[in-house]
Structures are given as structure tokens and as C-alpha cells.
Amino acid sequence: QVQLVESGGGLVQTGGSLRLSCAASGRAFSNYGLAWFRQAPGKEREFVAAISWSARSTAYADSVKGRFTISRDNAKNTVYLRMDSLKPEDTAVYYCASDSIPRRIALTTTHNRYDYWGQGTQVTVSS
């Protein structure tokens, strides 16, 4: 059974930092790209960041570039999202997801190309 479990969300003030973690099991995740998406109330789910299966490539949404860093530890089957200089508009439920195709050559930012999702973790940034 494939599972993705996020943790690390919480309440933080503007300018603060958080590190999200996503522990994966049930699949050889070292062969799959991983990504973070987020969904704010009343808005559609949006791409945040992605990392290739090899960790050689990363991609970020323009809104978080320079503030967020995605990384992975394949030995621990875990992907991280370090979030710095947080803003109120970063408030959302954050989801990690696994690419549906192993060893995809190019990173994908399209949510329907990810087949397994975590339950989400709430991040709230107060002004």
C-alpha cells in the first residue's frame, strides 16, 4: 500500500520559516519524482515545487522561487520543503505527491501526472 504522510505544518508569523516533511512508503520512491502542491481556501490546487527522482533537477513556482527549497533523502524515502520568508499568501494546505511515471526525464508541474498524494498539512502565516 502506497502512503505519503506529511508533517511539519503549523502557525508562523510573516517572515518566519517552516520545514515540511513527507515520508513515503509502499513504492520504490527513489525512482520517482516528488512534488509539493498547495491549496488555499476557495482556490484551486497549485504547484509549489518538484524534485526529480535523482535529485539533480528541481522546479519552483514563481511565487516561491528564492524562498522555498525542495530536497529529498532517498535513503529515508522522504521529501522536504524548506519554507523561508513566509508570507500570509503562503497560507494553505500543503500536499506532497509522487509522479506516476518512474524516472521521468523531465520534471512535471501538472497535478494530474502525480498519482499518489498525502493527506495534507496546514500552513498558516499570520500577518
Foldseek 3Di string as FASTA:
>chain_A
DKAKAKDWADEAAQQAKIKMKIFIDDDQQLQWKKFKWWDDPPGDIFGAKIAGSPRPDMDGDPVQPPFWDWDDDSVRNMIMIIGGRDDQVVWTWMKMFIAPDTRDPDDDGDPVRTDDMHPTDTHGYHD
